[in-house]
Amino acid sequence: MGMDQDKKIKRIDSARDKARAREKDSERLKVEENVFDVPTLKILYTLSNKGIIKAMGGAISTGKEANVFYAEGEEKELAIKIYRISSSTFKAMDAYIMKDPRFTNIRNNRRDIIFAWTRKELQNLKRAKSAGVRVPEPIIAEKNILIMEFMGEEKTPYPLLKNTPLKNDEAKLVYDKIVEYMRLLYKEANLVHADLSEYNVLIDPADTTPIFIDMGQSVTLEHPNAREFLYRDVQNILRFFGRYGITDKPEELLSKIQADAT
């Protein structure tokens, strides 16, 4: 192993140590241990050898199924999403993937489902982006690791919609844009987000445009639960924007989403 490779491994190891130091309590520590298992570290080393990852930074977010880390790439900042193989919400993933016509040949074991889920998120982000929805640009999916464009500045992610103070007129603009994105997903990308809420939308402070994130569970319209998922997304968005005086009924919002472009 050459000096360069040694240095790279040290860098990734030090990112892991930093993440551990940051996560003092045992629950979080368990999560970190689960993320950096040996197969995952091997993939990170490979991606770093290929020059895709130049340096790894700290954790941006810790979710039920995955952790997201900041990283530097060749030309741009990256977000590295690592799905935990020992994820406890494996059963929840099942419902979204098993009925997805794109993934009919998945063997029903945890590892295969998580690898398929990671590929599915990459595909969903590509479809959303080409439909004109603002999402992190996906770069590569490798087993349980998804690498995409980092949405933020100064190594800090853009704020979630939930944490963005908005005036009523700004909120109306954000709402209209979210509805337009839901329509583009539906009509152009043939997708339903299926977990849309104030927790999965970032807001770019420069121009208050929304950015859809976390699209692993997004399904095509052929999925037998697509309508039910869309209705749930609609209810979540109306519930959140209700506080800003938006009074659309679910049926009104559904018809906006399903309308042809004017």
C-alpha atoms as a PDB file:
ATOM      1  CA  MET A   1       0.000   0.000   0.000  1.00  0.00           C
ATOM      2  CA  GLY A   2       1.527   3.339  -1.069  1.00  0.00           C
ATOM      3  CA  MET A   3       1.855   6.491   0.997  1.00  0.00           C
ATOM      4  CA  ASP A   4      -1.111   8.103  -0.748  1.00  0.00           C
ATOM      5  CA  GLN A   5      -3.390   5.206   0.049  1.00  0.00           C
ATOM      6  CA  ASP A   6      -2.145   5.309   3.647  1.00  0.00           C
ATOM      7  CA  LYS A   7      -2.984   8.996   3.874  1.00  0.00           C
ATOM      8  CA  LYS A   8      -6.460   8.451   2.450  1.00  0.00           C
ATOM      9  CA  ILE A   9      -7.208   5.697   4.920  1.00  0.00           C
ATOM     10  CA  LYS A  10      -5.971   7.897   7.764  1.00  0.00           C
ATOM     11  CA  ARG A  11      -8.292  10.669   6.551  1.00  0.00           C
ATOM     12  CA  ILE A  12     -11.335   8.418   6.465  1.00  0.00           C
ATOM     13  CA  ASP A  13     -10.382   6.920   9.834  1.00  0.00           C
ATOM     14  CA  SER A  14     -10.023  10.364  11.336  1.00  0.00           C
ATOM     15  CA  ALA A  15     -13.468  11.331   9.962  1.00  0.00           C
ATOM     16  CA  ARG A  16     -14.798   8.239  11.681  1.00  0.00           C
ATOM     17  CA  ASP A  17     -13.051   9.136  14.947  1.00  0.00           C
ATOM     18  CA  LYS A  18     -14.374  12.697  14.771  1.00  0.00           C
ATOM     19  CA  ALA A  19     -17.888  11.390  14.204  1.00  0.00           C
ATOM     20  CA  ARG A  20     -17.460   9.129  17.220  1.00  0.00           C
ATOM     21  CA  ALA A  21     -16.111  11.906  19.402  1.00  0.00           C
ATOM     22  CA  ARG A  22     -19.050  14.066  18.430  1.00  0.00           C
ATOM     23  CA  GLU A  23     -21.609  11.414  19.232  1.00  0.00           C
ATOM     24  CA  LYS A  24     -20.989  10.915  22.917  1.00  0.00           C
ATOM     25  CA  ASP A  25     -24.149   9.146  24.040  1.00  0.00           C
ATOM     26  CA  SER A  26     -24.289   5.402  23.585  1.00  0.00           C
ATOM     27  CA  GLU A  27     -27.341   5.367  21.302  1.00  0.00           C
ATOM     28  CA  ARG A  28     -25.608   7.591  18.774  1.00  0.00           C
ATOM     29  CA  LEU A  29     -22.375   5.676  19.201  1.00  0.00           C
ATOM     30  CA  LYS A  30     -24.171   2.455  18.277  1.00  0.00           C
ATOM     31  CA  VAL A  31     -25.399   4.180  15.125  1.00  0.00           C
ATOM     32  CA  GLU A  32     -21.865   5.264  14.169  1.00  0.00           C
ATOM     33  CA  GLU A  33     -20.510   1.768  14.791  1.00  0.00           C
ATOM     34  CA  ASN A  34     -23.232   0.388  12.536  1.00  0.00           C
ATOM     35  CA  VAL A  35     -22.484   2.838   9.736  1.00  0.00           C
ATOM     36  CA  PHE A  36     -18.746   2.266   9.401  1.00  0.00           C
ATOM     37  CA  ASP A  37     -18.701  -1.503   9.101  1.00  0.00           C
ATOM     38  CA  VAL A  38     -15.812  -3.111   7.210  1.00  0.00           C
ATOM     39  CA  PRO A  39     -17.587  -3.533   3.822  1.00  0.00           C
ATOM     40  CA  THR A  40     -18.692   0.133   3.949  1.00  0.00           C
ATOM     41  CA  LEU A  41     -15.173   1.328   4.791  1.00  0.00           C
ATOM     42  CA  LYS A  42     -13.832  -0.713   1.847  1.00  0.00           C
ATOM     43  CA  ILE A  43     -16.243   1.058  -0.538  1.00  0.00           C
ATOM     44  CA  LEU A  44     -15.227   4.456   0.897  1.00  0.00           C
ATOM     45  CA  TYR A  45     -11.543   3.609   0.346  1.00  0.00           C
ATOM     46  CA  THR A  46     -12.297   2.548  -3.249  1.00  0.00           C
ATOM     47  CA  LEU A  47     -14.270   5.742  -3.958  1.00  0.00           C
ATOM     48  CA  SER A  48     -11.448   7.743  -2.453  1.00  0.00           C
ATOM     49  CA  ASN A  49      -8.871   5.915  -4.639  1.00  0.00           C
ATOM     50  CA  LYS A  50     -10.947   6.757  -7.704  1.00  0.00           C
ATOM     51  CA  GLY A  51     -10.737  10.402  -6.667  1.00  0.00           C
ATOM     52  CA  ILE A  52     -14.510  10.717  -6.192  1.00  0.00           C
ATOM     53  CA  ILE A  53     -14.033  11.497  -2.487  1.00  0.00           C
ATOM     54  CA  LYS A  54     -11.091  13.760  -1.615  1.00  0.00           C
ATOM     55  CA  ALA A  55     -11.759  14.248   2.094  1.00  0.00           C
ATOM     56  CA  MET A  56     -14.509  13.205   4.454  1.00  0.00           C
ATOM     57  CA  GLY A  57     -16.014  15.571   6.981  1.00  0.00           C
ATOM     58  CA  GLY A  58     -18.437  15.197   9.847  1.00  0.00           C
ATOM     59  CA  ALA A  59     -21.998  13.924  10.056  1.00  0.00           C
ATOM     60  CA  ILE A  60     -24.678  16.234   8.607  1.00  0.00           C
ATOM     61  CA  SER A  61     -27.666  14.174   9.713  1.00  0.00           C
ATOM     62  CA  THR A  62     -28.505  10.926  11.451  1.00  0.00           C
ATOM     63  CA  GLY A  63     -31.711   9.273  10.353  1.00  0.00           C
ATOM     64  CA  LYS A  64     -33.441   6.002  11.110  1.00  0.00           C
ATOM     65  CA  GLU A  65     -32.035   4.236   8.058  1.00  0.00           C
ATOM     66  CA  ALA A  66     -29.006   6.288   7.070  1.00  0.00           C
ATOM     67  CA  ASN A  67     -26.404   8.809   8.108  1.00  0.00           C
ATOM     68  CA  VAL A  68     -25.302  11.641   5.830  1.00  0.00           C
ATOM     69  CA  PHE A  69     -21.741  12.961   5.905  1.00  0.00           C
ATOM     70  CA  TYR A  70     -20.169  16.037   4.373  1.00  0.00           C
ATOM     71  CA  ALA A  71     -17.260  15.410   1.970  1.00  0.00           C
ATOM     72  CA  GLU A  72     -15.093  17.188  -0.541  1.00  0.00           C
ATOM     73  CA  GLY A  73     -15.109  15.860  -4.092  1.00  0.00           C
ATOM     74  CA  GLU A  74     -12.961  16.634  -7.134  1.00  0.00           C
ATOM     75  CA  GLU A  75     -14.947  19.662  -8.227  1.00  0.00           C
ATOM     76  CA  LYS A  76     -17.725  20.147  -5.709  1.00  0.00           C
ATOM     77  CA  GLU A  77     -18.813  19.526  -2.164  1.00  0.00           C
ATOM     78  CA  LEU A  78     -20.563  16.215  -1.627  1.00  0.00           C
ATOM     79  CA  ALA A  79     -23.110  14.638   0.680  1.00  0.00           C
ATOM     80  CA  ILE A  80     -22.406  10.957   1.338  1.00  0.00           C
ATOM     81  CA  LYS A  81     -25.437   9.012   2.446  1.00  0.00           C
ATOM     82  CA  ILE A  82     -24.636   5.688   4.070  1.00  0.00           C
ATOM     83  CA  TYR A  83     -27.512   3.283   4.602  1.00  0.00           C
ATOM     84  CA  ARG A  84     -26.980   1.091   7.628  1.00  0.00           C
ATOM     85  CA  ILE A  85     -27.022  -2.592   6.791  1.00  0.00           C
ATOM     86  CA  SER A  86     -28.162  -3.338  10.337  1.00  0.00           C
ATOM     87  CA  SER A  87     -31.028  -0.894   9.927  1.00  0.00           C
ATOM     88  CA  SER A  88     -33.953  -1.452  12.237  1.00  0.00           C
ATOM     89  CA  THR A  89     -36.518  -0.101   9.756  1.00  0.00           C
ATOM     90  CA  PHE A  90     -35.770  -2.774   7.178  1.00  0.00           C
ATOM     91  CA  LYS A  91     -39.437  -3.895   7.256  1.00  0.00           C
ATOM     92  CA  ALA A  92     -40.597  -0.378   6.386  1.00  0.00           C
ATOM     93  CA  MET A  93     -38.380  -0.381   3.287  1.00  0.00           C
ATOM     94  CA  ASP A  94     -39.977  -3.628   2.231  1.00  0.00           C
ATOM     95  CA  ALA A  95     -43.401  -2.076   1.564  1.00  0.00           C
ATOM     96  CA  TYR A  96     -41.959   0.502  -0.831  1.00  0.00           C
ATOM     97  CA  ILE A  97     -39.598  -1.721  -2.763  1.00  0.00           C
ATOM     98  CA  MET A  98     -41.348  -5.073  -3.041  1.00  0.00           C
ATOM     99  CA  LYS A  99     -44.230  -3.678  -5.085  1.00  0.00           C
ATOM    100  CA  ASP A 100     -42.062  -1.402  -7.217  1.00  0.00           C
ATOM    101  CA  PRO A 101     -42.111  -2.760 -10.789  1.00  0.00           C
ATOM    102  CA  ARG A 102     -38.489  -1.647 -11.221  1.00  0.00           C
ATOM    103  CA  PHE A 103     -37.319  -3.979  -8.454  1.00  0.00           C
ATOM    104  CA  THR A 104     -39.277  -7.167  -8.899  1.00  0.00           C
ATOM    105  CA  ASN A 105     -36.240  -9.437  -8.840  1.00  0.00           C
ATOM    106  CA  ILE A 106     -34.866  -8.422  -5.425  1.00  0.00           C
ATOM    107  CA  ARG A 107     -34.127 -11.301  -3.101  1.00  0.00           C
ATOM    108  CA  ASN A 108     -35.821 -10.795   0.215  1.00  0.00           C
ATOM    109  CA  ASN A 109     -32.791 -10.273   2.423  1.00  0.00           C
ATOM    110  CA  ARG A 110     -31.718  -7.157   4.237  1.00  0.00           C
ATOM    111  CA  ARG A 111     -28.497  -6.492   2.329  1.00  0.00           C
ATOM    112  CA  ASP A 112     -30.079  -6.861  -1.132  1.00  0.00           C
ATOM    113  CA  ILE A 113     -33.020  -4.667  -0.220  1.00  0.00           C
ATOM    114  CA  ILE A 114     -30.752  -1.927   1.132  1.00  0.00           C
ATOM    115  CA  PHE A 115     -28.522  -2.044  -1.973  1.00  0.00           C
ATOM    116  CA  ALA A 116     -31.644  -1.852  -4.168  1.00  0.00           C
ATOM    117  CA  TRP A 117     -32.993   1.011  -2.034  1.00  0.00           C
ATOM    118  CA  THR A 118     -29.754   2.962  -2.547  1.00  0.00           C
ATOM    119  CA  ARG A 119     -29.894   2.419  -6.343  1.00  0.00           C
ATOM    120  CA  LYS A 120     -33.567   3.380  -6.279  1.00  0.00           C
ATOM    121  CA  GLU A 121     -32.801   6.682  -4.548  1.00  0.00           C
ATOM    122  CA  LEU A 122     -30.147   7.444  -7.200  1.00  0.00           C
ATOM    123  CA  GLN A 123     -32.665   6.699  -9.988  1.00  0.00           C
ATOM    124  CA  ASN A 124     -35.420   8.721  -8.318  1.00  0.00           C
ATOM    125  CA  LEU A 125     -33.137  11.749  -7.912  1.00  0.00           C
ATOM    126  CA  LYS A 126     -32.094  11.491 -11.579  1.00  0.00           C
ATOM    127  CA  ARG A 127     -35.719  11.316 -12.703  1.00  0.00           C
ATOM    128  CA  ALA A 128     -36.732  14.214 -10.457  1.00  0.00           C
ATOM    129  CA  LYS A 129     -33.828  16.368 -11.660  1.00  0.00           C
ATOM    130  CA  SER A 130     -34.541  15.738 -15.327  1.00  0.00           C
ATOM    131  CA  ALA A 131     -38.216  16.614 -14.715  1.00  0.00           C
ATOM    132  CA  GLY A 132     -37.107  20.053 -13.491  1.00  0.00           C
ATOM    133  CA  VAL A 133     -37.453  19.478  -9.736  1.00  0.00           C
ATOM    134  CA  ARG A 134     -34.690  20.953  -7.596  1.00  0.00           C
ATOM    135  CA  VAL A 135     -32.964  18.039  -5.844  1.00  0.00           C
ATOM    136  CA  PRO A 136     -29.349  17.225  -4.923  1.00  0.00           C
ATOM    137  CA  GLU A 137     -27.656  16.020  -8.109  1.00  0.00           C
ATOM    138  CA  PRO A 138     -26.964  12.300  -7.705  1.00  0.00           C
ATOM    139  CA  ILE A 139     -23.421  11.210  -8.599  1.00  0.00           C
ATOM    140  CA  ILE A 140     -22.959   7.501  -7.880  1.00  0.00           C
ATOM    141  CA  ALA A 141     -24.534   4.667  -5.901  1.00  0.00           C
ATOM    142  CA  GLU A 142     -22.244   1.903  -4.701  1.00  0.00           C
ATOM    143  CA  LYS A 143     -23.892  -0.864  -2.625  1.00  0.00           C
ATOM    144  CA  ASN A 144     -25.207   0.993   0.501  1.00  0.00           C
ATOM    145  CA  ILE A 145     -23.533   4.348  -0.274  1.00  0.00           C
ATOM    146  CA  LEU A 146     -25.118   7.169  -2.272  1.00  0.00           C
ATOM    147  CA  ILE A 147     -22.997  10.143  -3.254  1.00  0.00           C
ATOM    148  CA  MET A 148     -24.699  13.349  -4.288  1.00  0.00           C
ATOM    149  CA  GLU A 149     -24.188  17.083  -4.477  1.00  0.00           C
ATOM    150  CA  PHE A 150     -24.050  18.844  -1.093  1.00  0.00           C
ATOM    151  CA  MET A 151     -26.881  21.356  -0.717  1.00  0.00           C
ATOM    152  CA  GLY A 152     -25.576  24.095   1.549  1.00  0.00           C
ATOM    153  CA  GLU A 153     -22.757  26.534   2.081  1.00  0.00           C
ATOM    154  CA  GLU A 154     -19.740  26.807   4.353  1.00  0.00           C
ATOM    155  CA  LYS A 155     -20.055  23.052   5.026  1.00  0.00           C
ATOM    156  CA  THR A 156     -23.477  23.723   6.597  1.00  0.00           C
ATOM    157  CA  PRO A 157     -26.562  22.245   4.928  1.00  0.00           C
ATOM    158  CA  TYR A 158     -29.404  24.536   3.902  1.00  0.00           C
ATOM    159  CA  PRO A 159     -32.093  24.705   6.596  1.00  0.00           C
ATOM    160  CA  LEU A 160     -35.095  22.397   6.549  1.00  0.00           C
ATOM    161  CA  LEU A 161     -38.433  23.971   5.663  1.00  0.00           C
ATOM    162  CA  LYS A 162     -39.453  23.161   9.244  1.00  0.00           C
ATOM    163  CA  ASN A 163     -36.681  25.450  10.584  1.00  0.00           C
ATOM    164  CA  THR A 164     -37.068  28.318   8.101  1.00  0.00           C
ATOM    165  CA  PRO A 165     -38.867  31.423   9.367  1.00  0.00           C
ATOM    166  CA  LEU A 166     -41.194  32.624   6.589  1.00  0.00           C
ATOM    167  CA  LYS A 167     -43.610  35.513   6.260  1.00  0.00           C
ATOM    168  CA  ASN A 168     -47.048  34.584   4.897  1.00  0.00           C
ATOM    169  CA  ASP A 169     -46.331  35.926   1.414  1.00  0.00           C
ATOM    170  CA  GLU A 170     -42.975  34.066   1.268  1.00  0.00           C
ATOM    171  CA  ALA A 171     -44.679  30.909   2.502  1.00  0.00           C
ATOM    172  CA  LYS A 172     -47.239  31.199  -0.300  1.00  0.00           C
ATOM    173  CA  LEU A 173     -44.411  31.338  -2.879  1.00  0.00           C
ATOM    174  CA  VAL A 174     -42.686  28.315  -1.310  1.00  0.00           C
ATOM    175  CA  TYR A 175     -45.996  26.446  -1.231  1.00  0.00           C
ATOM    176  CA  ASP A 176     -46.665  27.208  -4.904  1.00  0.00           C
ATOM    177  CA  LYS A 177     -43.186  25.990  -5.850  1.00  0.00           C
ATOM    178  CA  ILE A 178     -43.599  22.770  -3.827  1.00  0.00           C
ATOM    179  CA  VAL A 179     -46.934  22.150  -5.561  1.00  0.00           C
ATOM    180  CA  GLU A 180     -45.271  22.751  -8.952  1.00  0.00           C
ATOM    181  CA  TYR A 181     -42.524  20.243  -8.019  1.00  0.00           C
ATOM    182  CA  MET A 182     -45.129  17.694  -6.921  1.00  0.00           C
ATOM    183  CA  ARG A 183     -46.846  18.187 -10.294  1.00  0.00           C
ATOM    184  CA  LEU A 184     -43.573  17.793 -12.224  1.00  0.00           C
ATOM    185  CA  LEU A 185     -42.756  14.646 -10.252  1.00  0.00           C
ATOM    186  CA  TYR A 186     -46.182  13.239 -11.008  1.00  0.00           C
ATOM    187  CA  LYS A 187     -46.577  14.279 -14.644  1.00  0.00           C
ATOM    188  CA  GLU A 188     -42.984  14.288 -15.938  1.00  0.00           C
ATOM    189  CA  ALA A 189     -41.063  11.871 -13.699  1.00  0.00           C
ATOM    190  CA  ASN A 190     -43.975   9.463 -13.104  1.00  0.00           C
ATOM    191  CA  LEU A 191     -43.125   9.570  -9.385  1.00  0.00           C
ATOM    192  CA  VAL A 192     -44.699  10.246  -6.011  1.00  0.00           C
ATOM    193  CA  HIS A 193     -42.262  11.426  -3.310  1.00  0.00           C
ATOM    194  CA  ALA A 194     -44.105   9.320  -0.679  1.00  0.00           C
ATOM    195  CA  ASP A 195     -42.480  10.971   2.343  1.00  0.00           C
ATOM    196  CA  LEU A 196     -42.960  14.650   1.648  1.00  0.00           C
ATOM    197  CA  SER A 197     -43.116  16.933   4.673  1.00  0.00           C
ATOM    198  CA  GLU A 198     -41.352  19.920   6.218  1.00  0.00           C
ATOM    199  CA  TYR A 199     -38.607  17.467   7.263  1.00  0.00           C
ATOM    200  CA  ASN A 200     -37.692  16.471   3.682  1.00  0.00           C
ATOM    201  CA  VAL A 201     -37.608  19.883   2.024  1.00  0.00           C
ATOM    202  CA  LEU A 202     -34.607  22.201   2.300  1.00  0.00           C
ATOM    203  CA  ILE A 203     -34.869  25.930   1.647  1.00  0.00           C
ATOM    204  CA  ASP A 204     -32.129  27.782  -0.228  1.00  0.00           C
ATOM    205  CA  PRO A 205     -31.810  31.027   1.785  1.00  0.00           C
ATOM    206  CA  ALA A 206     -30.578  32.949  -1.285  1.00  0.00           C
ATOM    207  CA  ASP A 207     -33.906  32.742  -3.109  1.00  0.00           C
ATOM    208  CA  THR A 208     -36.154  30.685  -0.770  1.00  0.00           C
ATOM    209  CA  THR A 209     -36.539  27.931  -3.383  1.00  0.00           C
ATOM    210  CA  PRO A 210     -37.410  24.516  -1.986  1.00  0.00           C
ATOM    211  CA  ILE A 211     -35.192  21.477  -2.577  1.00  0.00           C
ATOM    212  CA  PHE A 212     -36.687  17.992  -2.275  1.00  0.00           C
ATOM    213  CA  ILE A 213     -34.493  15.476  -0.449  1.00  0.00           C
ATOM    214  CA  ASP A 214     -34.714  11.864   0.776  1.00  0.00           C
ATOM    215  CA  MET A 215     -36.221  10.168  -2.240  1.00  0.00           C
ATOM    216  CA  GLY A 216     -35.349   6.560  -1.443  1.00  0.00           C
ATOM    217  CA  GLN A 217     -38.971   5.668  -0.797  1.00  0.00           C
ATOM    218  CA  SER A 218     -40.379   7.521  -3.828  1.00  0.00           C
ATOM    219  CA  VAL A 219     -42.461   5.220  -6.037  1.00  0.00           C
ATOM    220  CA  THR A 220     -43.598   5.168  -9.649  1.00  0.00           C
ATOM    221  CA  LEU A 221     -47.290   5.693 -10.392  1.00  0.00           C
ATOM    222  CA  GLU A 222     -47.585   1.956 -11.179  1.00  0.00           C
ATOM    223  CA  HIS A 223     -46.929   1.135  -7.520  1.00  0.00           C
ATOM    224  CA  PRO A 224     -50.217  -0.149  -6.016  1.00  0.00           C
ATOM    225  CA  ASN A 225     -49.959   2.348  -3.119  1.00  0.00           C
ATOM    226  CA  ALA A 226     -48.941   5.364  -5.218  1.00  0.00           C
ATOM    227  CA  ARG A 227     -52.297   7.156  -4.793  1.00  0.00           C
ATOM    228  CA  GLU A 228     -52.391   6.586  -1.074  1.00  0.00           C
ATOM    229  CA  PHE A 229     -48.792   7.902  -0.749  1.00  0.00           C
ATOM    230  CA  LEU A 230     -49.643  10.960  -2.854  1.00  0.00           C
ATOM    231  CA  TYR A 231     -52.674  11.699  -0.679  1.00  0.00           C
ATOM    232  CA  ARG A 232     -50.488  11.469   2.430  1.00  0.00           C
ATOM    233  CA  ASP A 233     -47.930  13.893   0.880  1.00  0.00           C
ATOM    234  CA  VAL A 234     -50.792  16.297   0.075  1.00  0.00           C
ATOM    235  CA  GLN A 235     -52.109  16.141   3.651  1.00  0.00           C
ATOM    236  CA  ASN A 236     -48.624  16.732   5.117  1.00  0.00           C
ATOM    237  CA  ILE A 237     -48.011  19.775   2.942  1.00  0.00           C
ATOM    238  CA  LEU A 238     -51.465  21.263   3.693  1.00  0.00           C
ATOM    239  CA  ARG A 239     -51.063  20.597   7.412  1.00  0.00           C
ATOM    240  CA  PHE A 240     -47.733  22.454   7.456  1.00  0.00           C
ATOM    241  CA  PHE A 241     -48.809  25.416   5.300  1.00  0.00           C
ATOM    242  CA  GLY A 242     -52.113  25.761   7.162  1.00  0.00           C
ATOM    243  CA  ARG A 243     -50.221  27.858   9.721  1.00  0.00           C
ATOM    244  CA  TYR A 244     -49.487  30.406   6.950  1.00  0.00           C
ATOM    245  CA  GLY A 245     -53.125  30.855   6.039  1.00  0.00           C
ATOM    246  CA  ILE A 246     -53.160  28.442   3.085  1.00  0.00           C
ATOM    247  CA  THR A 247     -56.578  26.823   2.998  1.00  0.00           C
ATOM    248  CA  ASP A 248     -56.529  24.583  -0.090  1.00  0.00           C
ATOM    249  CA  LYS A 249     -58.537  21.395   0.331  1.00  0.00           C
ATOM    250  CA  PRO A 250     -56.760  18.069  -0.378  1.00  0.00           C
ATOM    251  CA  GLU A 251     -58.920  17.586  -3.509  1.00  0.00           C
ATOM    252  CA  GLU A 252     -57.911  21.032  -4.832  1.00  0.00           C
ATOM    253  CA  LEU A 253     -54.228  20.295  -4.312  1.00  0.00           C
ATOM    254  CA  LEU A 254     -54.553  16.847  -5.895  1.00  0.00           C
ATOM    255  CA  SER A 255     -56.129  18.342  -8.996  1.00  0.00           C
ATOM    256  CA  LYS A 256     -53.294  20.911  -9.250  1.00  0.00           C
ATOM    257  CA  ILE A 257     -50.750  18.084  -9.121  1.00  0.00           C
ATOM    258  CA  GLN A 258     -52.585  15.992 -11.675  1.00  0.00           C
ATOM    259  CA  ALA A 259     -53.271  18.916 -14.033  1.00  0.00           C
ATOM    260  CA  ASP A 260     -51.541  19.275 -17.386  1.00  0.00           C
ATOM    261  CA  ALA A 261     -49.207  22.248 -17.672  1.00  0.00           C
ATOM    262  CA  THR A 262     -50.908  25.476 -18.625  1.00  0.00           C
END
